[in-house]
Protein backbone atom coordinates (compact mmCIF):
# COMPACT_ATOMS: atom_id res chain seq x y z
CA UNK A 1 41.27 -98.38 13.20
CA UNK A 2 44.67 -96.52 12.25
CA UNK A 3 46.11 -96.80 8.65
CA UNK A 4 48.91 -98.90 10.78
CA UNK A 5 46.39 -101.76 11.54
CA UNK A 6 45.03 -101.36 8.65
CA UNK A 7 47.77 -102.44 6.45
CA UNK A 8 48.59 -105.44 8.75
CA UNK A 9 44.81 -106.48 8.48
CA UNK A 10 44.86 -105.54 4.86
CA UNK A 11 48.13 -108.19 4.69
CA UNK A 12 46.95 -110.94 7.07
CA UNK A 13 43.12 -111.13 4.77
CA UNK A 14 45.26 -111.11 1.30
CA UNK A 15 47.84 -114.00 2.66
CA UNK A 16 44.19 -115.91 4.05
CA UNK A 17 42.46 -115.74 0.46
CA UNK A 18 46.46 -116.65 -1.34
CA UNK A 19 45.46 -119.94 1.25
CA UNK A 20 42.18 -120.93 0.60
CA UNK A 21 43.36 -120.60 -3.57
CA UNK A 22 46.18 -122.75 -2.83
CA UNK A 23 44.32 -125.29 -0.43
CA UNK A 24 41.56 -125.33 -3.45
CA UNK A 25 43.88 -126.18 -6.19
CA UNK A 26 45.19 -128.86 -3.99
CA UNK A 27 41.78 -130.28 -3.71
CA UNK A 28 41.07 -129.87 -7.51
CA UNK A 29 44.90 -131.46 -8.98
CA UNK A 30 45.23 -134.21 -9.81
CA UNK A 31 47.44 -135.25 -6.96
CA UNK A 32 46.37 -139.52 -6.96
CA UNK A 33 48.06 -142.45 -7.82
CA UNK A 34 47.56 -143.09 -11.37
CA UNK A 35 49.71 -140.03 -12.22
CA UNK A 36 52.49 -141.61 -10.05
CA UNK A 37 55.29 -144.50 -11.57
CA UNK A 38 54.23 -147.81 -10.84
CA UNK A 39 56.47 -150.31 -9.04
CA UNK A 40 58.57 -153.02 -10.92
CA UNK A 41 55.92 -155.73 -11.74
CA UNK A 42 52.60 -153.10 -11.60
CA UNK A 43 50.63 -152.45 -13.73
CA UNK A 44 48.20 -149.08 -14.32
CA UNK A 45 44.86 -149.99 -15.71
CA UNK A 46 42.64 -147.16 -17.12
CA UNK A 47 39.02 -147.01 -18.91
CA UNK A 48 38.03 -143.62 -20.35
CA UNK A 49 35.03 -142.72 -22.57
CA UNK A 50 36.66 -140.39 -25.43
CA UNK A 51 33.23 -138.83 -26.65
CA UNK A 52 32.50 -139.39 -29.64
CA UNK A 53 35.93 -140.60 -31.17
CA UNK A 54 35.78 -140.36 -35.28
CA UNK A 55 38.64 -140.73 -37.65
CA UNK A 56 39.35 -138.33 -40.49
CA UNK A 57 37.96 -140.21 -42.85
CA UNK A 58 34.44 -139.91 -44.95
CA UNK A 59 32.46 -143.26 -44.10
CA UNK A 60 29.56 -142.41 -45.69
CA UNK A 61 27.90 -142.70 -41.83
CA UNK A 62 23.91 -141.70 -42.43
CA UNK A 63 22.24 -141.40 -39.14
CA UNK A 64 23.09 -139.09 -36.43
CA UNK A 65 24.76 -138.51 -34.32
CA UNK A 66 27.00 -140.21 -36.35
CA UNK A 67 26.61 -138.57 -39.44
CA UNK A 68 27.47 -135.20 -38.17
CA UNK A 69 30.88 -136.23 -36.36
CA UNK A 70 31.83 -138.36 -39.57
CA UNK A 71 31.34 -135.76 -41.99
CA UNK A 72 33.39 -133.13 -39.03
CA UNK A 73 36.24 -134.66 -38.63
CA UNK A 74 36.80 -135.49 -41.81
CA UNK A 75 35.83 -132.13 -43.27
CA UNK A 76 38.50 -130.76 -41.01
CA UNK A 77 41.56 -133.39 -40.65
CA UNK A 78 43.16 -130.79 -37.96
CA UNK A 79 40.27 -130.94 -35.42
CA UNK A 80 40.57 -134.79 -35.74
CA UNK A 81 44.48 -134.49 -35.07
CA UNK A 82 44.02 -131.75 -31.92
CA UNK A 83 41.33 -134.43 -30.49
CA UNK A 84 44.24 -137.19 -30.43
CA UNK A 85 46.93 -134.38 -28.94
CA UNK A 86 44.13 -133.43 -26.12
CA UNK A 87 43.11 -137.40 -25.40
CA UNK A 88 46.93 -137.83 -25.41
CA UNK A 89 48.51 -135.10 -23.60
CA UNK A 90 46.11 -136.61 -20.27
CA UNK A 91 46.74 -140.61 -21.10
CA UNK A 92 50.77 -139.66 -21.27
CA UNK A 93 50.61 -137.92 -18.01
CA UNK A 94 49.64 -140.90 -16.34
CA UNK A 95 51.97 -143.86 -14.92
CA UNK A 96 55.21 -141.40 -14.17
CA UNK A 97 54.60 -140.50 -18.08
CA UNK A 98 54.36 -143.82 -19.48
CA UNK A 99 50.83 -144.09 -20.13
CA UNK A 100 48.44 -146.50 -18.55
CA UNK A 101 49.97 -150.06 -19.45
CA UNK A 102 46.65 -151.35 -20.77
CA UNK A 103 43.55 -148.88 -21.84
CA UNK A 104 40.45 -149.86 -23.09
CA UNK A 105 38.36 -146.63 -24.68
CA UNK A 106 34.53 -146.58 -25.20
CA UNK A 107 32.93 -144.47 -28.53
CA UNK A 108 35.55 -144.49 -30.72
CA UNK A 109 34.18 -145.45 -34.33
CA UNK A 110 36.55 -147.59 -35.50
CA UNK A 111 39.87 -149.69 -35.83
CA UNK A 112 41.63 -146.56 -37.73
CA UNK A 113 40.58 -143.96 -34.84
CA UNK A 114 42.06 -146.13 -32.29
CA UNK A 115 45.37 -146.65 -34.48
CA UNK A 116 45.49 -143.15 -35.29
CA UNK A 117 45.53 -142.89 -31.61
CA UNK A 118 48.19 -145.80 -30.92
CA UNK A 119 50.39 -144.19 -33.19
CA UNK A 120 50.37 -140.47 -31.69
CA UNK A 121 50.96 -142.32 -28.14
CA UNK A 122 54.15 -144.19 -29.08
CA UNK A 123 55.79 -141.21 -30.87
CA UNK A 124 55.19 -138.79 -27.91
CA UNK A 125 56.34 -142.28 -26.00
CA UNK A 126 59.91 -142.59 -27.33
CA UNK A 127 62.04 -144.61 -25.48
CA UNK A 128 60.42 -143.79 -22.02
CA UNK A 129 58.72 -146.87 -22.06
CA UNK A 130 57.52 -150.14 -23.75
CA UNK A 131 55.65 -148.65 -27.10
CA UNK A 132 51.59 -150.31 -27.51
CA UNK A 133 51.59 -153.16 -29.57
CA UNK A 134 48.76 -154.64 -29.52
CA UNK A 135 45.28 -153.16 -30.60
CA UNK A 136 41.81 -155.31 -29.77
CA UNK A 137 38.63 -154.03 -32.14
CA UNK A 138 35.81 -156.02 -33.20
CA UNK A 139 32.59 -153.92 -34.95
CA UNK A 140 29.75 -154.30 -32.53
CA UNK A 141 27.54 -153.19 -35.67
CA UNK A 142 25.46 -152.02 -33.07
CA UNK A 143 22.81 -149.35 -32.57
CA UNK A 144 25.68 -146.38 -33.66
CA UNK A 145 28.94 -146.20 -34.83
CA UNK A 146 31.42 -147.00 -31.96
CA UNK A 147 32.90 -149.14 -30.26
CA UNK A 148 35.16 -150.54 -27.22
CA UNK A 149 38.84 -151.30 -27.66
CA UNK A 150 41.24 -152.63 -25.47
CA UNK A 151 45.08 -150.73 -25.78
CA UNK A 152 47.87 -152.00 -24.44
CA UNK A 153 51.54 -153.29 -23.95
CA UNK A 154 51.23 -156.14 -22.83
CA UNK A 155 51.37 -159.80 -24.39
CA UNK A 156 47.86 -160.66 -25.51
CA UNK A 157 46.44 -163.62 -27.01
CA UNK A 158 44.85 -162.06 -30.41
CA UNK A 159 42.71 -165.30 -31.22
CA UNK A 160 40.53 -165.23 -28.08
CA UNK A 161 39.57 -161.50 -29.02
CA UNK A 162 35.67 -161.49 -28.96
CA UNK A 163 32.56 -159.56 -28.65
CA UNK A 164 29.64 -161.06 -26.36
CA UNK A 165 25.98 -160.91 -27.44
CA UNK A 166 24.09 -159.55 -30.83
CA UNK A 167 24.94 -155.87 -31.36
CA UNK A 168 26.04 -155.02 -28.19
CA UNK A 169 29.25 -152.98 -27.26
CA UNK A 170 30.79 -156.12 -25.16
CA UNK A 171 34.38 -156.48 -26.13
CA UNK A 172 36.70 -159.62 -24.48
CA UNK A 173 40.31 -159.51 -24.42
CA UNK A 174 42.83 -162.15 -22.96
CA UNK A 175 46.58 -160.65 -21.70
CA UNK A 176 49.04 -162.45 -20.90
CA UNK A 177 52.22 -162.22 -18.45
CA UNK A 178 54.53 -164.22 -16.80
CA UNK A 179 52.24 -166.87 -17.96
CA UNK A 180 49.03 -165.75 -16.12
CA UNK A 181 45.82 -164.76 -18.25
CA UNK A 182 43.78 -161.72 -17.30
CA UNK A 183 40.63 -161.40 -18.93
CA UNK A 184 39.54 -158.06 -19.52
CA UNK A 185 35.95 -157.30 -20.59
CA UNK A 186 35.35 -153.21 -21.81
CA UNK A 187 31.53 -152.18 -22.05
CA UNK A 188 29.71 -149.45 -23.40
CA UNK A 189 26.21 -150.02 -21.83
CA UNK A 190 22.98 -148.35 -23.26
CA UNK A 191 22.82 -144.22 -23.12
CA UNK A 192 19.58 -143.03 -20.02
CA UNK A 193 18.84 -141.43 -24.10
CA UNK A 194 17.54 -143.99 -25.18
CA UNK A 195 16.07 -146.40 -22.52
CA UNK A 196 14.88 -144.75 -19.65
CA UNK A 197 16.50 -145.16 -15.74
CA UNK A 198 13.22 -146.05 -14.36
CA UNK A 199 13.33 -149.25 -16.45
CA UNK A 200 16.83 -149.44 -18.08
CA UNK A 201 15.72 -153.06 -19.19
CA UNK A 202 18.80 -152.27 -21.99
CA UNK A 203 21.60 -151.99 -20.00
CA UNK A 204 20.16 -154.98 -17.58
CA UNK A 205 20.45 -157.19 -20.56
CA UNK A 206 24.70 -156.37 -21.15
CA UNK A 207 25.05 -156.46 -17.26
CA UNK A 208 23.45 -159.83 -17.69
CA UNK A 209 25.46 -161.06 -20.39
CA UNK A 210 28.76 -159.76 -19.56
CA UNK A 211 27.43 -162.09 -15.59
CA UNK A 212 26.92 -164.77 -17.43
CA UNK A 213 30.46 -164.91 -19.29
CA UNK A 214 31.83 -164.26 -15.53
CA UNK A 215 29.73 -167.34 -14.21
CA UNK A 216 30.81 -169.57 -16.67
CA UNK A 217 34.61 -168.67 -16.21
CA UNK A 218 34.10 -168.75 -12.48
CA UNK A 219 32.28 -172.28 -13.10
CA UNK A 220 35.43 -173.59 -14.46
CA UNK A 221 37.66 -171.64 -12.81
CA UNK A 222 37.12 -170.01 -9.19
CA UNK A 223 40.40 -168.09 -9.81
CA UNK A 224 39.70 -166.99 -13.08
CA UNK A 225 41.50 -162.63 -13.08
CA UNK A 226 38.39 -161.44 -14.57
CA UNK A 227 38.42 -157.40 -14.96
CA UNK A 228 34.85 -155.70 -16.04
CA UNK A 229 34.77 -151.82 -16.88
CA UNK A 230 33.22 -149.60 -19.00
CA UNK A 231 30.68 -146.54 -18.94
CA UNK A 232 27.55 -148.32 -17.54
CA UNK A 233 25.38 -145.44 -17.71
CA UNK A 234 23.64 -146.43 -14.62
CA UNK A 235 25.33 -145.88 -11.06
CA UNK A 236 27.14 -148.43 -8.87
CA UNK A 237 23.63 -148.59 -6.61
CA UNK A 238 21.49 -149.23 -9.70
CA UNK A 239 19.91 -152.47 -10.24
CA UNK A 240 21.27 -153.03 -13.41
CA UNK A 241 25.10 -152.84 -11.67
CA UNK A 242 24.08 -154.21 -8.34
CA UNK A 243 21.08 -156.98 -9.12
CA UNK A 244 22.16 -157.96 -12.91
CA UNK A 245 25.93 -157.37 -12.62
CA UNK A 246 25.71 -159.20 -9.11
CA UNK A 247 28.20 -156.44 -7.83
CA UNK A 248 29.20 -155.73 -3.95
CA UNK A 249 31.61 -153.77 -1.75
CA UNK A 250 32.01 -156.82 0.60
CA UNK A 251 34.93 -158.83 0.27
CA UNK A 252 33.08 -161.38 2.63
CA UNK A 253 30.29 -161.79 0.20
CA UNK A 254 31.91 -162.86 -3.61
CA UNK A 255 32.46 -166.19 -3.44
CA UNK A 256 29.24 -166.89 -0.46
CA UNK A 257 26.15 -167.31 -2.98
CA UNK A 258 27.66 -170.42 -4.91
CA UNK A 259 27.27 -171.13 -8.15
CA UNK A 260 25.81 -167.39 -7.47
CA UNK A 261 29.17 -165.38 -6.89
CA UNK A 262 29.40 -161.77 -6.95
CA UNK A 263 32.12 -159.22 -8.07
CA UNK A 264 33.39 -156.19 -6.37
CA UNK A 265 32.83 -153.10 -7.39
CA UNK A 266 35.91 -150.86 -7.06
CA UNK A 267 33.55 -147.55 -7.16
CA UNK A 268 31.64 -148.58 -4.95
CA UNK A 269 32.79 -148.24 -1.64
CA UNK A 270 31.37 -144.61 0.26
CA UNK A 271 35.06 -143.11 -0.85
CA UNK A 272 33.52 -142.28 -4.16
CA UNK A 273 30.09 -140.51 -2.47
CA UNK A 274 29.01 -137.20 -4.22
CA UNK A 275 32.40 -138.33 -6.95
CA UNK A 276 31.75 -138.81 -10.49
CA UNK A 277 33.00 -139.37 -13.99
CA UNK A 278 30.11 -136.81 -15.69
CA UNK A 279 27.81 -133.90 -14.80
CA UNK A 280 24.19 -133.43 -16.26
CA UNK A 281 22.10 -130.84 -14.92
CA UNK A 282 24.52 -129.64 -12.32
CA UNK A 283 25.17 -132.86 -10.83
CA UNK A 284 28.35 -135.10 -10.43
CA UNK A 285 27.17 -139.12 -12.25
CA UNK A 286 29.41 -142.58 -11.19
CA UNK A 287 29.12 -143.79 -14.89
CA UNK A 288 32.44 -145.08 -15.10
CA UNK A 289 33.26 -148.60 -13.38
CA UNK A 290 35.95 -151.27 -12.62
CA UNK A 291 34.70 -154.34 -11.20
CA UNK A 292 36.34 -157.53 -10.98
CA UNK A 293 36.44 -161.23 -10.40
CA UNK A 294 36.90 -162.48 -6.58
CA UNK A 295 40.29 -164.09 -8.12
CA UNK A 296 41.64 -160.64 -8.76
CA UNK A 297 41.36 -159.54 -4.94
CA UNK A 298 43.01 -163.16 -4.22
CA UNK A 299 46.86 -163.94 -3.79
CA UNK A 300 48.70 -165.50 -6.85
CA UNK A 301 48.07 -164.72 -10.69
CA UNK A 302 46.58 -161.03 -11.45
CA UNK A 303 45.91 -158.81 -8.16
CA UNK A 304 44.70 -155.39 -8.06
CA UNK A 305 44.70 -152.74 -5.36
CA UNK A 306 41.57 -151.72 -4.44
CA UNK A 307 42.53 -148.79 -2.66
CA UNK A 308 44.38 -147.05 -6.00
CA UNK A 309 41.37 -147.29 -7.81
CA UNK A 310 40.77 -143.96 -9.17
CA UNK A 311 38.95 -141.28 -10.90
CA UNK A 312 41.54 -139.05 -12.64
CA UNK A 313 40.40 -135.31 -12.85
CA UNK A 314 43.75 -133.65 -15.47
CA UNK A 315 40.48 -133.30 -17.49
CA UNK A 316 37.81 -131.57 -15.00
CA UNK A 317 37.24 -128.13 -14.67
CA UNK A 318 37.60 -126.01 -11.18
CA UNK A 319 33.66 -127.60 -10.58
CA UNK A 320 35.69 -130.89 -11.09
CA UNK A 321 33.33 -131.97 -14.12
CA UNK A 322 35.28 -133.26 -17.53
CA UNK A 323 35.80 -130.35 -19.87
CA UNK A 324 34.13 -131.94 -22.81
CA UNK A 325 35.27 -131.52 -26.29
CA UNK A 326 34.57 -128.65 -27.79
CA UNK A 327 34.49 -128.05 -31.81
CA UNK A 328 34.23 -125.05 -32.19
CA UNK A 329 37.57 -124.03 -29.87
CA UNK A 330 39.58 -127.53 -30.39
CA UNK A 331 39.45 -127.19 -26.34
CA UNK A 332 38.94 -129.89 -23.85
CA UNK A 333 38.63 -133.64 -23.69
CA UNK A 334 35.44 -135.85 -23.27
CA UNK A 335 32.50 -135.74 -21.65
CA UNK A 336 33.99 -138.20 -19.07
CA UNK A 337 37.16 -138.92 -16.68
CA UNK A 338 39.01 -141.63 -16.55
CA UNK A 339 39.01 -144.25 -14.39
CA UNK A 340 42.26 -146.13 -12.90
CA UNK A 341 43.40 -148.83 -10.95
CA UNK A 342 46.51 -150.49 -9.96
CA UNK A 343 47.37 -154.23 -11.11
CA UNK A 344 50.09 -156.65 -10.27
CA UNK A 345 51.04 -160.41 -11.09
CA UNK A 346 52.90 -163.40 -9.90
CA UNK A 347 52.93 -166.64 -10.29
CA UNK A 348 50.01 -168.65 -9.06
């Protein structure tokens, strides 16, 4: 092999390596529709478990792991601010730089923590978009001092905000745009660490409570526009989601078994096979999901675009796993990835 040929071959190999690197970057990049600006009349919905998002005040919590995070952030206020900034960095890359129009969060300690994130987002937004005017929060007084929260720039019916069940992290909020109501249920089901996967009784309780609420609304109004989101701590194929929450991926089955209507799981289809919103023991798990009522798949009122359902990978590492917040380095975001879907609304 002469030197000229070696040079040509070396150049070709180098070019191939660069090309492979570009392709891998594209595959791992967040080139999904959640980062793009929506069309007029469209709204981006986002759910994100923001991993032990505690405020920087000492609230005297006595039980771990909450005691640890209560003391961690209250003793290091700069660390709390960095956590806020890191979360905001991801959120404000969505929706053409405006952030989600409707944002549901899990693992938020209290209203103060949520308010601090709200203020940070509004400060960074400036005049680029309407501010986040409405924050919905109720303390579930559950086993841990964490809750779900709804933050939105859209109008809400505040006095209809309720918690479902007793000591359950299930927050129900009501939004109204153009006279059309959207019901959002933000939930965070029991961890597998405290309820074995093969049993899942506590997660089934969450699913039963949410489904009972949906069925009651459906019996009064079969066109009800209801969106259920959360960290289910189960996959779209587990019994708590399929049997207890009554979900399907077949639109023709949604109203087939009345009065036992089904809901549509936007993250249960083949497009999400092998994908996940968190990683554990080297495996991807799709625990964070968005489920919608039949009404959201039909024209009139609120509508969702199932094809726009997305796992946001802006906060993922090269393996596609979420980069959790590192309290020693002040880096990272959350041990879960956000999920999004596009919504729109018109008169029925």
